[in-house]
Every structure is written in structure tokens, then in C-alpha cells.
């Protein structure tokens, strides 16, 4: 009997250690895109990120020359898919978030778009990684496909500085 209790306790301890080591780091904060391009304003893109144990909310602000666009996405951190609709029903997206064993966060989105002539999908994947002691957010974007055609297998790296 003592052996069975020991094995059960050891098993629970092992699984709690594994679950703790796979926890998602906290990405909360205001992040500003680091850019050296003379064609982009220094505050061209910012992200306000808030995070709870179950949700990651990302509000991205993109400042163009004469306009500003704010995109808000809520990701479920418990492995559940999130569905959003935007632009008066012309676009919808399925969002997924998965913590990786190395502490990175993998965000995927499949956007379903409709215009007057056709319907098509855009599949994207982002890998988020905190570097420089959490002061820098490295985001690697992969455009997996547009309308079924493979794109950008190498990924584009963007670096954001915490404000």
C-alpha cells in the first residue's frame, strides 16, 4: 500500500514539474518595433500585450502616413481555438496559441477573406521569444500560404523593445 501511494505521489510530482517547466513566459507590456528603416516612422508599429494564465490579448497599432489601424486578437492559452470576425464580415480568423517546451510561444492564425471576386485563406505562424532578459521580444513570422500557395518558408524576424 505504501508503495502504491509512493508511486502515485511521485507520478503527480513529476507531472506538476513538467507542467511548470512548460509554462508560458509573461509577454505583457507595451512593445515598440525596432526599425532602422528611413521609410518607416520610429513608432510605425507598437503592440500592447496583456496576459493572464488563460489568455493572451494583443493589440497591434500600425501607423501609416495618414491613418492608423488597430488590430486586436485574443488567444486562448489553454489550447482552445478562438474565432474572430472583422471588417464587416469580409474577414474571419481562427486563432491558436501553443506554449513550446523551450518557453517560446507559437501563435497561428488562419484568416478567411472574401472580396467581390473570390474567397481565399491566409495562414500565418508567429513564434514569440523573450531575449535580452525579457527586454526584447523576437517575433519570427512565417506566411505559410496565401490561397493555398506556399510562402515565406524562412520567416521574417522582427524585434520589439519593451517600453
N, C-alpha and C. Protein backbone atom coordinates (compact mmCIF):
# COMPACT_ATOMS: atom_id res chain seq x y z
N UNK A 1 0.82 -1.19 0.00
CA UNK A 1 0.00 0.00 0.00
C UNK A 1 0.87 1.26 0.00
N UNK A 2 1.92 1.26 0.85
CA UNK A 2 2.81 2.41 0.89
C UNK A 2 3.49 2.60 -0.46
N UNK A 3 3.81 1.50 -1.13
CA UNK A 3 4.46 1.56 -2.44
C UNK A 3 3.53 2.20 -3.47
N UNK A 4 2.26 1.85 -3.44
CA UNK A 4 1.29 2.42 -4.38
C UNK A 4 1.14 3.92 -4.14
N UNK A 5 1.04 4.33 -2.86
CA UNK A 5 0.94 5.76 -2.54
C UNK A 5 2.20 6.49 -2.99
N UNK A 6 3.36 5.88 -2.77
CA UNK A 6 4.62 6.49 -3.21
C UNK A 6 4.65 6.67 -4.72
N UNK A 7 4.23 5.65 -5.47
CA UNK A 7 4.23 5.74 -6.93
C UNK A 7 3.26 6.80 -7.43
N UNK A 8 2.08 6.87 -6.83
CA UNK A 8 1.10 7.88 -7.24
C UNK A 8 1.63 9.28 -6.93
N UNK A 9 2.17 9.48 -5.73
CA UNK A 9 2.72 10.78 -5.34
C UNK A 9 3.88 11.17 -6.25
N UNK A 10 4.76 10.24 -6.55
CA UNK A 10 5.89 10.52 -7.43
C UNK A 10 5.41 10.90 -8.83
N UNK A 11 4.40 10.19 -9.31
CA UNK A 11 3.86 10.49 -10.64
C UNK A 11 3.24 11.87 -10.69
N UNK A 12 2.47 12.24 -9.65
CA UNK A 12 1.86 13.57 -9.62
C UNK A 12 2.93 14.65 -9.53
N UNK A 13 3.96 14.42 -8.74
CA UNK A 13 5.05 15.38 -8.62
C UNK A 13 5.75 15.55 -9.96
N UNK A 14 6.02 14.44 -10.67
CA UNK A 14 6.68 14.50 -11.97
C UNK A 14 5.85 15.32 -12.95
N UNK A 15 4.54 15.06 -13.02
CA UNK A 15 3.70 15.79 -13.96
C UNK A 15 3.56 17.26 -13.59
N UNK A 16 3.57 17.59 -12.31
CA UNK A 16 3.48 19.00 -11.95
C UNK A 16 4.78 19.73 -12.29
N UNK A 17 5.93 19.07 -12.16
CA UNK A 17 7.21 19.67 -12.56
C UNK A 17 7.25 19.86 -14.07
N UNK A 18 6.81 18.88 -14.83
CA UNK A 18 6.78 19.01 -16.29
C UNK A 18 5.85 20.13 -16.70
N UNK A 19 4.69 20.23 -16.08
CA UNK A 19 3.74 21.28 -16.44
C UNK A 19 4.29 22.65 -16.09
N UNK A 20 4.97 22.77 -14.95
CA UNK A 20 5.55 24.05 -14.56
C UNK A 20 6.65 24.46 -15.51
N UNK A 21 7.49 23.53 -15.94
CA UNK A 21 8.61 23.88 -16.82
C UNK A 21 8.13 24.28 -18.20
N UNK A 22 6.91 23.91 -18.59
CA UNK A 22 6.39 24.24 -19.92
C UNK A 22 5.50 25.48 -19.89
N UNK A 23 5.46 26.19 -18.75
CA UNK A 23 4.61 27.36 -18.65
C UNK A 23 5.09 28.45 -19.60
N UNK A 24 4.14 29.22 -20.08
CA UNK A 24 4.44 30.32 -20.99
C UNK A 24 5.00 31.49 -20.21
N UNK A 25 6.12 32.07 -20.68
CA UNK A 25 6.62 33.28 -20.02
C UNK A 25 5.60 34.41 -20.17
N UNK A 26 5.71 35.43 -19.36
CA UNK A 26 4.77 36.54 -19.43
C UNK A 26 5.25 37.57 -20.45
N UNK A 27 4.48 37.75 -21.50
CA UNK A 27 4.82 38.68 -22.58
C UNK A 27 4.15 40.04 -22.40
N UNK A 28 3.52 40.29 -21.26
CA UNK A 28 2.78 41.53 -21.03
C UNK A 28 3.68 42.75 -21.17
N UNK A 29 3.09 43.82 -21.67
CA UNK A 29 3.81 45.09 -21.75
C UNK A 29 3.52 45.80 -23.05
N UNK A 30 4.08 46.99 -23.17
CA UNK A 30 3.98 47.75 -24.41
C UNK A 30 5.29 47.55 -25.16
N UNK A 31 5.18 47.08 -26.40
CA UNK A 31 6.33 46.73 -27.21
C UNK A 31 6.37 47.62 -28.46
N UNK A 32 7.54 48.16 -28.76
CA UNK A 32 7.72 49.04 -29.91
C UNK A 32 8.67 48.37 -30.90
N UNK A 33 8.25 48.32 -32.17
CA UNK A 33 9.07 47.71 -33.22
C UNK A 33 10.37 48.47 -33.36
N UNK A 34 11.47 47.73 -33.31
CA UNK A 34 12.80 48.32 -33.52
C UNK A 34 13.06 48.34 -35.02
N UNK A 35 13.18 49.53 -35.59
CA UNK A 35 13.42 49.63 -37.02
C UNK A 35 14.46 50.71 -37.30
N UNK A 36 15.28 50.44 -38.28
CA UNK A 36 16.27 51.42 -38.72
C UNK A 36 15.96 51.90 -40.13
N UNK A 37 14.77 51.60 -40.61
CA UNK A 37 14.38 51.98 -41.96
C UNK A 37 14.05 53.46 -42.03
N UNK A 38 14.62 54.19 -43.01
CA UNK A 38 14.27 55.61 -43.16
C UNK A 38 12.86 55.80 -43.70
N UNK A 39 12.25 54.72 -44.19
CA UNK A 39 10.92 54.80 -44.78
C UNK A 39 9.80 54.60 -43.75
N UNK A 40 10.17 54.17 -42.56
CA UNK A 40 9.16 53.91 -41.53
C UNK A 40 9.36 54.87 -40.36
N UNK A 41 8.25 55.34 -39.80
CA UNK A 41 8.32 56.17 -38.61
C UNK A 41 8.83 55.33 -37.45
N UNK A 42 9.50 55.97 -36.48
CA UNK A 42 10.00 55.19 -35.33
C UNK A 42 8.90 54.47 -34.57
N UNK A 43 7.69 55.02 -34.56
CA UNK A 43 6.59 54.36 -33.85
C UNK A 43 5.62 53.72 -34.83
N UNK A 44 6.13 53.23 -35.96
CA UNK A 44 5.33 52.61 -37.02
C UNK A 44 4.43 51.50 -36.47
N UNK A 45 4.98 50.65 -35.60
CA UNK A 45 4.20 49.54 -35.05
C UNK A 45 4.49 49.37 -33.57
N UNK A 46 3.41 49.31 -32.81
CA UNK A 46 3.53 49.00 -31.38
C UNK A 46 2.53 47.90 -31.05
N UNK A 47 2.84 47.16 -30.00
CA UNK A 47 1.93 46.12 -29.53
C UNK A 47 1.72 46.31 -28.03
N UNK A 48 0.47 46.36 -27.62
CA UNK A 48 0.12 46.30 -26.20
C UNK A 48 -0.32 44.88 -25.93
N UNK A 49 0.40 44.21 -25.05
CA UNK A 49 0.13 42.79 -24.76
C UNK A 49 -0.25 42.67 -23.29
N UNK A 50 -1.39 42.03 -23.06
CA UNK A 50 -1.77 41.69 -21.69
C UNK A 50 -1.97 40.18 -21.64
N UNK A 51 -1.58 39.61 -20.53
CA UNK A 51 -1.59 38.15 -20.43
C UNK A 51 -2.08 37.72 -19.06
N UNK A 52 -2.93 36.73 -19.08
CA UNK A 52 -3.37 36.06 -17.86
C UNK A 52 -2.98 34.59 -18.03
N UNK A 53 -3.20 33.76 -17.04
CA UNK A 53 -2.86 32.35 -17.21
C UNK A 53 -3.63 31.67 -18.35
N UNK A 54 -4.78 32.23 -18.73
CA UNK A 54 -5.61 31.57 -19.75
C UNK A 54 -5.72 32.33 -21.07
N UNK A 55 -5.25 33.59 -21.11
CA UNK A 55 -5.47 34.38 -22.32
C UNK A 55 -4.30 35.33 -22.60
N UNK A 56 -4.03 35.52 -23.89
CA UNK A 56 -3.06 36.50 -24.37
C UNK A 56 -3.81 37.46 -25.27
N UNK A 57 -3.84 38.73 -24.90
CA UNK A 57 -4.51 39.75 -25.71
C UNK A 57 -3.44 40.62 -26.34
N UNK A 58 -3.49 40.73 -27.68
CA UNK A 58 -2.50 41.51 -28.42
C UNK A 58 -3.23 42.60 -29.19
N UNK A 59 -2.92 43.84 -28.87
CA UNK A 59 -3.48 44.98 -29.58
C UNK A 59 -2.34 45.63 -30.35
N UNK A 60 -2.36 45.48 -31.67
CA UNK A 60 -1.30 46.00 -32.53
C UNK A 60 -1.77 47.29 -33.17
N UNK A 61 -0.94 48.34 -33.06
CA UNK A 61 -1.23 49.62 -33.69
C UNK A 61 -0.22 49.83 -34.80
N UNK A 62 -0.72 50.07 -36.00
CA UNK A 62 0.13 50.34 -37.16
C UNK A 62 -0.18 51.75 -37.62
N UNK A 63 0.84 52.60 -37.62
CA UNK A 63 0.67 53.99 -38.03
C UNK A 63 1.22 54.17 -39.45
N UNK A 64 0.31 54.48 -40.34
CA UNK A 64 0.69 54.78 -41.71
C UNK A 64 0.77 56.29 -41.86
N UNK A 65 1.06 56.77 -43.06
CA UNK A 65 1.25 58.22 -43.22
C UNK A 65 0.02 59.03 -42.83
N UNK A 66 -1.16 58.59 -43.26
CA UNK A 66 -2.36 59.38 -43.00
C UNK A 66 -3.41 58.63 -42.19
N UNK A 67 -3.08 57.47 -41.72
CA UNK A 67 -4.07 56.70 -40.98
C UNK A 67 -3.39 55.83 -39.93
N UNK A 68 -4.22 55.28 -39.08
CA UNK A 68 -3.76 54.38 -38.03
C UNK A 68 -4.73 53.21 -37.97
N UNK A 69 -4.20 52.01 -37.88
CA UNK A 69 -5.04 50.83 -37.78
C UNK A 69 -4.70 50.09 -36.50
N UNK A 70 -5.74 49.70 -35.78
CA UNK A 70 -5.57 48.94 -34.54
C UNK A 70 -6.21 47.57 -34.74
N UNK A 71 -5.44 46.53 -34.51
CA UNK A 71 -5.90 45.15 -34.66
C UNK A 71 -5.80 44.48 -33.30
N UNK A 72 -6.90 43.92 -32.84
CA UNK A 72 -6.92 43.24 -31.54
C UNK A 72 -7.18 41.76 -31.75
N UNK A 73 -6.33 40.94 -31.14
CA UNK A 73 -6.50 39.49 -31.19
C UNK A 73 -6.40 38.93 -29.78
N UNK A 74 -7.32 38.04 -29.45
CA UNK A 74 -7.31 37.35 -28.17
C UNK A 74 -7.02 35.88 -28.41
N UNK A 75 -5.94 35.40 -27.82
CA UNK A 75 -5.54 34.00 -27.95
C UNK A 75 -5.82 33.27 -26.64
N UNK A 76 -6.38 32.09 -26.72
CA UNK A 76 -6.60 31.25 -25.57
C UNK A 76 -5.33 30.45 -25.30
N UNK A 77 -4.81 30.50 -24.09
CA UNK A 77 -3.57 29.81 -23.74
C UNK A 77 -3.80 28.41 -23.18
N UNK A 78 -5.03 27.94 -23.24
CA UNK A 78 -5.35 26.60 -22.75
C UNK A 78 -5.55 25.61 -23.89
N UNK A 79 -5.12 25.97 -25.08
CA UNK A 79 -5.21 25.06 -26.22
C UNK A 79 -6.53 25.12 -26.97
N UNK A 80 -7.41 26.04 -26.59
CA UNK A 80 -8.69 26.17 -27.28
C UNK A 80 -8.56 27.17 -28.43
N UNK A 81 -9.26 26.90 -29.49
CA UNK A 81 -9.24 27.76 -30.66
C UNK A 81 -10.16 28.95 -30.44
N UNK A 82 -9.75 30.13 -30.91
CA UNK A 82 -10.55 31.34 -30.84
C UNK A 82 -10.97 31.72 -32.25
N UNK A 83 -12.19 32.18 -32.40
CA UNK A 83 -12.69 32.58 -33.72
C UNK A 83 -13.10 34.04 -33.64
N UNK A 84 -12.62 34.86 -34.59
CA UNK A 84 -13.00 36.28 -34.63
C UNK A 84 -13.50 36.64 -36.02
N UNK A 85 -14.31 37.68 -36.06
CA UNK A 85 -14.80 38.19 -37.34
C UNK A 85 -14.44 39.67 -37.40
N UNK A 86 -14.06 40.14 -38.59
CA UNK A 86 -13.62 41.53 -38.74
C UNK A 86 -14.08 42.10 -40.07
N UNK A 87 -13.93 43.40 -40.18
CA UNK A 87 -14.20 44.12 -41.43
C UNK A 87 -15.58 43.80 -41.99
N UNK A 88 -16.60 43.96 -41.17
CA UNK A 88 -17.99 43.79 -41.60
C UNK A 88 -18.25 42.44 -42.27
N UNK A 89 -17.67 41.40 -41.73
CA UNK A 89 -17.92 40.07 -42.26
C UNK A 89 -17.09 39.69 -43.47
N UNK A 90 -16.19 40.58 -43.91
CA UNK A 90 -15.35 40.27 -45.07
C UNK A 90 -14.15 39.41 -44.70
N UNK A 91 -13.85 39.33 -43.42
CA UNK A 91 -12.74 38.50 -42.98
C UNK A 91 -13.10 37.86 -41.64
N UNK A 92 -12.60 36.67 -41.44
CA UNK A 92 -12.76 35.97 -40.17
C UNK A 92 -11.46 35.20 -39.93
N UNK A 93 -11.18 34.88 -38.68
CA UNK A 93 -9.92 34.19 -38.39
C UNK A 93 -10.10 33.16 -37.28
N UNK A 94 -9.34 32.09 -37.39
CA UNK A 94 -9.19 31.11 -36.32
C UNK A 94 -7.82 31.34 -35.72
N UNK A 95 -7.76 31.52 -34.40
CA UNK A 95 -6.51 31.81 -33.71
C UNK A 95 -6.18 30.67 -32.76
N UNK A 96 -4.90 30.29 -32.73
CA UNK A 96 -4.43 29.26 -31.81
C UNK A 96 -3.14 29.73 -31.16
N UNK A 97 -2.93 29.36 -29.91
CA UNK A 97 -1.69 29.66 -29.20
C UNK A 97 -1.22 28.39 -28.52
N UNK A 98 0.08 28.09 -28.64
CA UNK A 98 0.65 26.90 -28.03
C UNK A 98 2.00 27.24 -27.42
N UNK A 99 2.17 26.92 -26.13
CA UNK A 99 3.47 27.08 -25.50
C UNK A 99 4.39 25.97 -25.98
N UNK A 100 5.63 26.32 -26.20
CA UNK A 100 6.63 25.35 -26.64
C UNK A 100 7.48 24.92 -25.45
N UNK A 101 8.08 23.75 -25.50
CA UNK A 101 8.92 23.29 -24.37
C UNK A 101 10.09 24.23 -24.06
N UNK A 102 10.56 24.98 -25.07
CA UNK A 102 11.69 25.90 -24.85
C UNK A 102 11.24 27.24 -24.27
N UNK A 103 9.94 27.41 -23.96
CA UNK A 103 9.43 28.64 -23.39
C UNK A 103 8.92 29.62 -24.43
N UNK A 104 9.13 29.34 -25.70
CA UNK A 104 8.60 30.21 -26.74
C UNK A 104 7.10 30.00 -26.86
N UNK A 105 6.46 30.93 -27.53
CA UNK A 105 5.03 30.85 -27.77
C UNK A 105 4.79 30.81 -29.27
N UNK A 106 3.99 29.85 -29.73
CA UNK A 106 3.66 29.72 -31.15
C UNK A 106 2.22 30.15 -31.35
N UNK A 107 2.03 31.21 -32.14
CA UNK A 107 0.70 31.73 -32.44
C UNK A 107 0.40 31.44 -33.90
N UNK A 108 -0.75 30.87 -34.17
CA UNK A 108 -1.12 30.62 -35.55
C UNK A 108 -2.47 31.27 -35.83
N UNK A 109 -2.61 31.73 -37.07
CA UNK A 109 -3.90 32.28 -37.48
C UNK A 109 -4.20 31.84 -38.90
N UNK A 110 -5.42 31.47 -39.10
CA UNK A 110 -5.91 31.17 -40.44
C UNK A 110 -7.01 32.20 -40.70
N UNK A 111 -6.76 33.08 -41.65
CA UNK A 111 -7.69 34.15 -41.96
C UNK A 111 -8.45 33.78 -43.21
N UNK A 112 -9.75 33.87 -43.13
CA UNK A 112 -10.62 33.59 -44.27
C UNK A 112 -11.11 34.94 -44.80
N UNK A 113 -10.75 35.26 -46.03
CA UNK A 113 -11.09 36.56 -46.60
C UNK A 113 -12.03 36.40 -47.79
N UNK A 114 -12.86 37.38 -47.96
CA UNK A 114 -13.80 37.40 -49.07
C UNK A 114 -13.73 38.77 -49.72
N UNK A 115 -13.56 38.79 -51.02
CA UNK A 115 -13.73 40.05 -51.74
C UNK A 115 -14.80 39.82 -52.80
N UNK A 116 -15.01 40.77 -53.66
CA UNK A 116 -16.10 40.65 -54.62
C UNK A 116 -15.92 39.47 -55.56
N UNK A 117 -14.69 39.09 -55.85
CA UNK A 117 -14.44 38.06 -56.86
C UNK A 117 -14.21 36.67 -56.28
N UNK A 118 -13.65 36.58 -55.08
CA UNK A 118 -13.26 35.26 -54.60
C UNK A 118 -13.18 35.19 -53.07
N UNK A 119 -13.04 33.97 -52.59
CA UNK A 119 -12.76 33.71 -51.18
C UNK A 119 -11.40 33.04 -51.13
N UNK A 120 -10.60 33.39 -50.14
CA UNK A 120 -9.29 32.75 -50.01
C UNK A 120 -8.85 32.78 -48.56
N UNK A 121 -7.83 31.99 -48.25
CA UNK A 121 -7.31 31.92 -46.88
C UNK A 121 -5.86 32.39 -46.86
N UNK A 122 -5.47 32.89 -45.70
CA UNK A 122 -4.09 33.27 -45.44
C UNK A 122 -3.70 32.57 -44.14
N UNK A 123 -2.65 31.75 -44.18
CA UNK A 123 -2.19 31.04 -42.99
C UNK A 123 -0.87 31.65 -42.53
N UNK A 124 -0.84 32.05 -41.25
CA UNK A 124 0.37 32.66 -40.68
C UNK A 124 0.73 31.95 -39.39
N UNK A 125 2.02 31.97 -39.11
CA UNK A 125 2.51 31.44 -37.84
C UNK A 125 3.53 32.41 -37.30
N UNK A 126 3.44 32.72 -36.02
CA UNK A 126 4.40 33.59 -35.35
C UNK A 126 5.00 32.83 -34.18
N UNK A 127 6.30 32.94 -34.02
CA UNK A 127 6.97 32.36 -32.86
C UNK A 127 7.51 33.53 -32.04
N UNK A 128 7.06 33.62 -30.79
CA UNK A 128 7.47 34.69 -29.89
C UNK A 128 8.53 34.16 -28.93
N UNK A 129 9.57 34.95 -28.74
CA UNK A 129 10.66 34.56 -27.84
C UNK A 129 11.15 35.81 -27.11
N UNK A 130 11.23 35.74 -25.78
CA UNK A 130 11.80 36.83 -25.00
C UNK A 130 13.31 36.66 -24.93
N UNK A 131 14.04 37.72 -25.27
CA UNK A 131 15.51 37.68 -25.22
C UNK A 131 16.01 38.92 -24.47
N UNK A 132 17.31 38.99 -24.24
CA UNK A 132 17.92 40.11 -23.51
C UNK A 132 17.26 40.33 -22.15
N UNK A 133 17.07 39.25 -21.42
CA UNK A 133 16.49 39.34 -20.09
C UNK A 133 15.04 39.82 -20.09
N UNK A 134 14.32 39.56 -21.17
CA UNK A 134 12.92 39.95 -21.25
C UNK A 134 12.71 41.37 -21.74
N UNK A 135 13.78 42.07 -22.12
CA UNK A 135 13.66 43.45 -22.61
C UNK A 135 13.36 43.52 -24.10
N UNK A 136 13.59 42.41 -24.80
CA UNK A 136 13.36 42.36 -26.24
C UNK A 136 12.47 41.18 -26.57
N UNK A 137 11.50 41.42 -27.44
CA UNK A 137 10.62 40.38 -27.93
C UNK A 137 10.99 40.11 -29.38
N UNK A 138 11.43 38.90 -29.64
CA UNK A 138 11.75 38.49 -31.01
C UNK A 138 10.54 37.75 -31.56
N UNK A 139 10.00 38.26 -32.67
CA UNK A 139 8.85 37.63 -33.32
C UNK A 139 9.29 37.18 -34.69
N UNK A 140 9.19 35.89 -34.95
CA UNK A 140 9.50 35.35 -36.27
C UNK A 140 8.18 35.00 -36.94
N UNK A 141 7.91 35.67 -38.05
CA UNK A 141 6.64 35.50 -38.79
C UNK A 141 6.86 34.59 -39.99
N UNK A 142 6.00 33.63 -40.12
CA UNK A 142 6.01 32.73 -41.28
C UNK A 142 4.67 32.88 -41.98
N UNK A 143 4.70 33.27 -43.23
CA UNK A 143 3.48 33.29 -44.03
C UNK A 143 3.43 31.92 -44.68
N UNK A 144 2.61 31.04 -44.13
CA UNK A 144 2.61 29.65 -44.58
C UNK A 144 1.97 29.49 -45.95
N UNK A 145 0.86 30.17 -46.19
CA UNK A 145 0.24 30.07 -47.51
C UNK A 145 -0.75 31.20 -47.72
N UNK A 146 -0.91 31.57 -48.95
CA UNK A 146 -1.94 32.51 -49.36
C UNK A 146 -2.72 31.84 -50.47
N UNK A 147 -3.99 31.64 -50.24
CA UNK A 147 -4.86 30.97 -51.21
C UNK A 147 -4.28 29.63 -51.64
N UNK A 148 -3.71 28.89 -50.68
CA UNK A 148 -3.20 27.55 -50.97
C UNK A 148 -1.79 27.50 -51.53
N UNK A 149 -1.15 28.64 -51.78
CA UNK A 149 0.21 28.66 -52.33
C UNK A 149 1.19 28.92 -51.20
N UNK A 150 2.20 28.07 -51.10
CA UNK A 150 3.20 28.18 -50.03
C UNK A 150 3.98 29.48 -50.17
N UNK A 151 4.28 30.10 -49.02
CA UNK A 151 5.01 31.36 -48.98
C UNK A 151 6.03 31.33 -47.87
N UNK A 152 7.06 32.13 -47.98
CA UNK A 152 7.97 32.51 -46.91
C UNK A 152 8.32 31.40 -45.90
N UNK A 153 8.96 30.36 -46.38
CA UNK A 153 9.32 29.24 -45.50
C UNK A 153 10.41 29.63 -44.50
N UNK A 154 11.18 30.67 -44.79
CA UNK A 154 12.31 31.06 -43.93
C UNK A 154 11.90 31.90 -42.74
N UNK A 155 10.87 32.70 -42.87
CA UNK A 155 10.43 33.54 -41.78
C UNK A 155 11.09 34.91 -41.80
N UNK A 156 10.37 35.87 -41.27
CA UNK A 156 10.87 37.25 -41.16
C UNK A 156 10.98 37.54 -39.67
N UNK A 157 12.14 38.01 -39.25
CA UNK A 157 12.35 38.32 -37.83
C UNK A 157 12.09 39.80 -37.56
N UNK A 158 11.33 40.06 -36.51
CA UNK A 158 11.09 41.43 -36.06
C UNK A 158 11.46 41.49 -34.59
N UNK A 159 12.02 42.61 -34.18
CA UNK A 159 12.42 42.78 -32.81
C UNK A 159 11.67 43.97 -32.21
N UNK A 160 11.08 43.75 -31.04
CA UNK A 160 10.35 44.78 -30.34
C UNK A 160 11.04 45.06 -29.00
N UNK A 161 11.12 46.33 -28.63
CA UNK A 161 11.73 46.74 -27.37
C UNK A 161 10.62 47.08 -26.39
N UNK A 162 10.77 46.62 -25.17
CA UNK A 162 9.77 46.89 -24.14
C UNK A 162 9.91 48.33 -23.68
N UNK A 163 8.78 49.04 -23.68
CA UNK A 163 8.80 50.44 -23.25
C UNK A 163 8.59 50.56 -21.75
